[in-house]
Structure formats: C-alpha cells, structure tokens
Amino acid sequence: MDPVSVLIGVAWLAIGAAMLAGTVGSFRKAWSSEARLPLFREMERRGLTPERAEDAVGMTQLACATRRCTFCAQRPRCERGAAPLDCPNEEVLRRSSVA
C-alpha cells in the first residue's frame, strides 16, 4: 500500500471516530438526568399542560422546544432552579400562555 492510501484510511477512521464520539456524547447527555426537563417544569409553573402547548404552537414546535431543552448548555443551571434570562424556548412558552 502506498502512503497516500494509508493517510486517507486514517483520515476516514478519525472522521468515523469523531462522529461516534459525538453520537455517544449526545445520548449520554440526553439520558444523564432522571429529572423532568426544565421546559415541562416551567410549563407547569405557568399553568400549561403539554396538550395545551401542542394546541397553541403545534407538535413540531413543541418537539423542537423539547429537543432544545434536552441539549441546552444551560440545562444544569435550570435544573438547579436558576433559569437563564435567554431561554431558547421562551417564545414557545409565551405563545402557549397566550393561546
């Protein structure tokens, strides 16, 4: 085998390893906490149910809000009760409260 083929093979192996590490990290983050998502606790605090939010913003928007909450960098802070001022789901919560 020539050195170029080996380098290309090593590069593809590194790309595959990086993708696998990212996938494993995402699953670990998604399943690391047994607590309810802060999104649903905030909805409850505002007197909302998931069904009402779904009626107000639609299933797609509610699913996107859930995903954003799951992978949000501020999630540990929200779980401790200190919600960030720039919550990415504030718009969904606001629209659900109004409807």
C-alpha atoms as a PDB file:
ATOM      1  CA  MET A   1       0.000   0.000   0.000  1.00  0.00           C
ATOM      2  CA  ASP A   2       1.167   3.442  -0.783  1.00  0.00           C
ATOM      3  CA  PRO A   3       1.390   6.099   1.956  1.00  0.00           C
ATOM      4  CA  VAL A   4      -1.402   8.236   0.459  1.00  0.00           C
ATOM      5  CA  SER A   5      -3.932   5.384   0.755  1.00  0.00           C
ATOM      6  CA  VAL A   6      -2.888   4.808   4.353  1.00  0.00           C
ATOM      7  CA  LEU A   7      -3.308   8.502   5.173  1.00  0.00           C
ATOM      8  CA  ILE A   8      -6.736   8.575   3.538  1.00  0.00           C
ATOM      9  CA  GLY A   9      -7.752   5.477   5.509  1.00  0.00           C
ATOM     10  CA  VAL A  10      -6.530   7.026   8.754  1.00  0.00           C
ATOM     11  CA  ALA A  11      -8.416  10.249   7.982  1.00  0.00           C
ATOM     12  CA  TRP A  12     -11.667   8.335   7.388  1.00  0.00           C
ATOM     13  CA  LEU A  13     -11.104   6.378  10.576  1.00  0.00           C
ATOM     14  CA  ALA A  14     -10.635   9.635  12.520  1.00  0.00           C
ATOM     15  CA  ILE A  15     -13.800  11.096  10.998  1.00  0.00           C
ATOM     16  CA  GLY A  16     -15.762   7.976  11.949  1.00  0.00           C
ATOM     17  CA  ALA A  17     -14.375   8.044  15.492  1.00  0.00           C
ATOM     18  CA  ALA A  18     -15.310  11.724  15.876  1.00  0.00           C
ATOM     19  CA  MET A  19     -18.851  11.043  14.667  1.00  0.00           C
ATOM     20  CA  LEU A  20     -19.205   8.093  17.030  1.00  0.00           C
ATOM     21  CA  ALA A  21     -17.908  10.142  19.961  1.00  0.00           C
ATOM     22  CA  GLY A  22     -20.403  12.911  19.177  1.00  0.00           C
ATOM     23  CA  THR A  23     -23.285  10.472  18.993  1.00  0.00           C
ATOM     24  CA  VAL A  24     -22.325   8.768  22.252  1.00  0.00           C
ATOM     25  CA  GLY A  25     -21.919  12.163  23.943  1.00  0.00           C
ATOM     26  CA  SER A  26     -25.350  13.282  22.769  1.00  0.00           C
ATOM     27  CA  PHE A  27     -27.028  10.133  24.046  1.00  0.00           C
ATOM     28  CA  ARG A  28     -25.180  10.386  27.348  1.00  0.00           C
ATOM     29  CA  LYS A  29     -26.331  13.989  27.782  1.00  0.00           C
ATOM     30  CA  ALA A  30     -29.905  13.159  26.834  1.00  0.00           C
ATOM     31  CA  TRP A  31     -30.168  10.269  29.283  1.00  0.00           C
ATOM     32  CA  SER A  32     -27.952  11.564  32.089  1.00  0.00           C
ATOM     33  CA  SER A  33     -30.680  13.140  34.183  1.00  0.00           C
ATOM     34  CA  GLU A  34     -33.642  11.479  35.794  1.00  0.00           C
ATOM     35  CA  ALA A  35     -35.300  14.842  36.484  1.00  0.00           C
ATOM     36  CA  ARG A  36     -38.075  16.222  34.299  1.00  0.00           C
ATOM     37  CA  LEU A  37     -36.950  18.658  31.660  1.00  0.00           C
ATOM     38  CA  PRO A  38     -36.941  22.255  32.828  1.00  0.00           C
ATOM     39  CA  LEU A  39     -39.247  23.053  29.902  1.00  0.00           C
ATOM     40  CA  PHE A  40     -42.044  20.953  31.392  1.00  0.00           C
ATOM     41  CA  ARG A  41     -41.462  22.294  34.900  1.00  0.00           C
ATOM     42  CA  GLU A  42     -41.714  25.845  33.538  1.00  0.00           C
ATOM     43  CA  MET A  43     -44.878  24.956  31.628  1.00  0.00           C
ATOM     44  CA  GLU A  44     -46.377  23.582  34.837  1.00  0.00           C
ATOM     45  CA  ARG A  45     -45.365  26.730  36.714  1.00  0.00           C
ATOM     46  CA  ARG A  46     -47.231  28.803  34.125  1.00  0.00           C
ATOM     47  CA  GLY A  47     -50.303  26.581  34.360  1.00  0.00           C
ATOM     48  CA  LEU A  48     -49.762  24.933  30.981  1.00  0.00           C
ATOM     49  CA  THR A  49     -50.110  21.312  30.005  1.00  0.00           C
ATOM     50  CA  PRO A  50     -48.245  19.685  27.108  1.00  0.00           C
ATOM     51  CA  GLU A  51     -51.588  19.224  25.363  1.00  0.00           C
ATOM     52  CA  ARG A  52     -52.416  22.932  25.612  1.00  0.00           C
ATOM     53  CA  ALA A  53     -48.951  23.881  24.385  1.00  0.00           C
ATOM     54  CA  GLU A  54     -49.321  21.481  21.475  1.00  0.00           C
ATOM     55  CA  ASP A  55     -52.666  23.047  20.563  1.00  0.00           C
ATOM     56  CA  ALA A  56     -51.130  26.533  20.735  1.00  0.00           C
ATOM     57  CA  VAL A  57     -47.851  26.037  18.873  1.00  0.00           C
ATOM     58  CA  GLY A  58     -48.190  22.655  17.167  1.00  0.00           C
ATOM     59  CA  MET A  59     -46.499  19.314  17.721  1.00  0.00           C
ATOM     60  CA  THR A  60     -43.457  20.205  15.619  1.00  0.00           C
ATOM     61  CA  GLN A  61     -42.690  23.355  17.625  1.00  0.00           C
ATOM     62  CA  LEU A  62     -43.225  21.532  20.928  1.00  0.00           C
ATOM     63  CA  ALA A  63     -40.923  18.707  19.810  1.00  0.00           C
ATOM     64  CA  CYS A  64     -38.258  21.233  18.753  1.00  0.00           C
ATOM     65  CA  ALA A  65     -38.580  23.005  22.118  1.00  0.00           C
ATOM     66  CA  THR A  66     -38.142  19.681  23.910  1.00  0.00           C
ATOM     67  CA  ARG A  67     -35.023  18.910  21.866  1.00  0.00           C
ATOM     68  CA  ARG A  68     -33.605  22.385  22.524  1.00  0.00           C
ATOM     69  CA  CYS A  69     -34.204  21.927  26.247  1.00  0.00           C
ATOM     70  CA  THR A  70     -32.639  18.463  26.247  1.00  0.00           C
ATOM     71  CA  PHE A  71     -29.399  19.631  24.641  1.00  0.00           C
ATOM     72  CA  CYS A  72     -29.263  23.173  26.064  1.00  0.00           C
ATOM     73  CA  ALA A  73     -25.952  24.143  27.647  1.00  0.00           C
ATOM     74  CA  GLN A  74     -27.878  25.960  30.410  1.00  0.00           C
ATOM     75  CA  ARG A  75     -29.919  22.869  31.371  1.00  0.00           C
ATOM     76  CA  PRO A  76     -27.923  22.069  34.555  1.00  0.00           C
ATOM     77  CA  ARG A  77     -28.491  25.641  35.701  1.00  0.00           C
ATOM     78  CA  CYS A  78     -32.247  25.346  35.053  1.00  0.00           C
ATOM     79  CA  GLU A  79     -32.364  22.046  36.915  1.00  0.00           C
ATOM     80  CA  ARG A  80     -30.950  23.847  39.955  1.00  0.00           C
ATOM     81  CA  GLY A  81     -33.763  26.412  39.690  1.00  0.00           C
ATOM     82  CA  ALA A  82     -31.820  29.341  38.221  1.00  0.00           C
ATOM     83  CA  ALA A  83     -33.435  29.735  34.797  1.00  0.00           C
ATOM     84  CA  PRO A  84     -31.332  31.727  32.319  1.00  0.00           C
ATOM     85  CA  LEU A  85     -32.636  35.038  31.030  1.00  0.00           C
ATOM     86  CA  ASP A  86     -32.105  33.953  27.422  1.00  0.00           C
ATOM     87  CA  CYS A  87     -34.032  30.664  27.382  1.00  0.00           C
ATOM     88  CA  PRO A  88     -34.285  29.450  23.772  1.00  0.00           C
ATOM     89  CA  ASN A  89     -37.832  28.244  24.454  1.00  0.00           C
ATOM     90  CA  GLU A  90     -39.213  31.485  25.868  1.00  0.00           C
ATOM     91  CA  GLU A  91     -41.075  32.241  22.630  1.00  0.00           C
ATOM     92  CA  VAL A  92     -42.810  28.849  22.659  1.00  0.00           C
ATOM     93  CA  LEU A  93     -43.742  29.291  26.330  1.00  0.00           C
ATOM     94  CA  ARG A  94     -45.042  32.795  25.702  1.00  0.00           C
ATOM     95  CA  ARG A  95     -47.141  31.764  22.694  1.00  0.00           C
ATOM     96  CA  SER A  96     -48.535  28.803  24.633  1.00  0.00           C
ATOM     97  CA  SER A  97     -49.510  31.006  27.566  1.00  0.00           C
ATOM     98  CA  VAL A  98     -51.351  33.474  25.361  1.00  0.00           C
ATOM     99  CA  ALA A  99     -53.397  30.904  23.461  1.00  0.00           C
END
